[in-house]
Amino acid sequence: MPRSVNHVASRAKRKRILKLTRGYFGARKNVWTVAKNTWEKGLTYAYRDRKNKKRSFRALWIQRINAAARLEGMSYSQLMGALHKAGIEINRKVLADLAMNHTEAFKAIVAKVK
């Protein structure tokens, strides 16, 4: 009895991955093995960079808070220590947004903890 292979399913799988690699350079977009390897590598980069995105945003928030705090005569670490001591629980994302877009509110927070 001849061997039965599901060509429809395997072709559909290849088409799906080749569609995902559209826009890549050279053989990375149309040669099956190269495209598959590139696509798999891209998934690992995506996983890694979802973690790095959080890291870099936190660093950005800290820089913005530090810049605004220094205009008020405090350093970042002094401000954060004073916030914790005063029992004000506000995260860095919101604090950075206040520092950038609502300076009066940020000044009020700094005045409260001084």
Protein backbone atom coordinates (compact mmCIF):
# COMPACT_ATOMS: atom_id res chain seq x y z
CA MET A 1 0.00 0.00 0.00
CA PRO A 2 1.44 3.42 -0.89
CA ARG A 3 2.37 5.89 1.79
CA SER A 4 -0.24 8.56 2.50
CA VAL A 5 0.99 12.10 3.15
CA ASN A 6 -1.25 15.02 3.97
CA HIS A 7 0.07 17.50 1.38
CA VAL A 8 -2.80 19.91 1.95
CA ALA A 9 -1.93 20.41 5.62
CA SER A 10 1.83 20.64 5.11
CA ARG A 11 1.45 23.13 2.24
CA ALA A 12 -0.94 25.22 4.35
CA LYS A 13 1.58 25.26 7.20
CA ARG A 14 4.36 26.42 4.85
CA LYS A 15 2.11 29.07 3.31
CA ARG A 16 1.19 30.40 6.76
CA ILE A 17 4.83 30.84 7.83
CA LEU A 18 5.88 32.26 4.44
CA LYS A 19 3.06 34.78 4.75
CA LEU A 20 4.42 35.79 8.18
CA THR A 21 7.89 36.38 6.71
CA ARG A 22 6.76 38.76 3.96
CA GLY A 23 8.91 41.89 3.92
CA TYR A 24 12.06 40.11 5.07
CA PHE A 25 15.24 40.52 3.01
CA GLY A 26 16.41 38.03 0.37
CA ALA A 27 15.91 34.33 0.93
CA ARG A 28 14.45 35.00 4.38
CA LYS A 29 11.09 35.66 2.75
CA ASN A 30 10.73 32.89 0.18
CA VAL A 31 13.04 29.92 0.91
CA TRP A 32 11.19 27.61 3.27
CA THR A 33 13.99 26.53 5.61
CA VAL A 34 15.55 30.00 5.85
CA ALA A 35 12.13 31.64 6.36
CA LYS A 36 11.18 29.12 9.06
CA ASN A 37 14.43 29.66 10.96
CA THR A 38 14.10 33.43 10.69
CA TRP A 39 10.50 33.33 11.89
CA GLU A 40 11.41 31.13 14.88
CA LYS A 41 14.31 33.42 15.77
CA GLY A 42 11.94 36.38 15.54
CA LEU A 43 9.68 34.77 18.13
CA THR A 44 12.58 34.52 20.58
CA TYR A 45 13.46 38.18 19.96
CA ALA A 46 9.82 39.15 20.54
CA TYR A 47 9.75 37.28 23.86
CA ARG A 48 13.04 38.86 24.99
CA ASP A 49 12.05 42.35 23.96
CA ARG A 50 8.69 42.24 25.71
CA LYS A 51 10.75 41.95 28.89
CA ASN A 52 13.25 44.62 27.80
CA LYS A 53 10.42 47.03 26.99
CA LYS A 54 9.31 47.03 30.62
CA ARG A 55 12.92 47.59 31.71
CA SER A 56 13.50 50.53 29.38
CA PHE A 57 10.20 52.22 30.25
CA ARG A 58 10.99 52.00 33.96
CA ALA A 59 14.39 53.61 33.28
CA LEU A 60 12.68 56.39 31.29
CA TRP A 61 10.21 57.06 34.11
CA ILE A 62 13.04 57.25 36.64
CA GLN A 63 14.95 59.75 34.47
CA ARG A 64 11.87 61.96 34.12
CA ILE A 65 11.11 61.84 37.85
CA ASN A 66 14.75 62.62 38.66
CA ALA A 67 14.80 65.63 36.31
CA ALA A 68 11.59 67.03 37.79
CA ALA A 69 12.68 66.33 41.37
CA ARG A 70 15.97 68.15 40.86
CA LEU A 71 14.04 71.24 39.75
CA GLU A 72 12.41 71.09 43.20
CA GLY A 73 15.76 70.71 44.97
CA MET A 74 15.65 66.95 45.65
CA SER A 75 17.28 63.95 44.03
CA TYR A 76 15.31 60.95 42.79
CA SER A 77 16.37 58.73 45.68
CA GLN A 78 15.53 61.41 48.28
CA LEU A 79 12.10 61.89 46.72
CA MET A 80 11.30 58.18 46.60
CA GLY A 81 12.50 57.70 50.18
CA ALA A 82 10.35 60.60 51.36
CA LEU A 83 7.33 59.24 49.46
CA HIS A 84 7.65 55.85 51.14
CA LYS A 85 8.20 57.44 54.56
CA ALA A 86 5.09 59.63 54.10
CA GLY A 87 3.07 56.58 53.09
CA ILE A 88 2.22 57.93 49.63
CA GLU A 89 1.86 54.93 47.34
CA ILE A 90 2.17 56.23 43.78
CA ASN A 91 3.93 54.28 41.07
CA ARG A 92 6.72 55.59 38.87
CA LYS A 93 4.61 55.59 35.71
CA VAL A 94 2.03 57.95 37.17
CA LEU A 95 4.68 60.06 38.90
CA ALA A 96 6.58 60.48 35.61
CA ASP A 97 3.36 61.46 33.83
CA LEU A 98 2.66 64.07 36.51
CA ALA A 99 6.22 65.37 36.22
CA MET A 100 5.92 65.76 32.44
CA ASN A 101 2.32 66.87 31.91
CA HIS A 102 0.99 68.18 35.25
CA THR A 103 3.86 70.02 36.92
CA GLU A 104 1.65 71.72 39.52
CA ALA A 105 0.41 68.34 40.78
CA PHE A 106 3.99 67.04 40.92
CA LYS A 107 5.09 70.14 42.87
CA ALA A 108 2.22 69.57 45.31
CA ILE A 109 3.37 65.99 45.91
CA VAL A 110 6.96 67.14 46.47
CA ALA A 111 5.78 69.88 48.84
CA LYS A 112 3.77 67.31 50.82
CA VAL A 113 6.75 65.03 51.38
CA LYS A 114 9.31 67.75 52.17
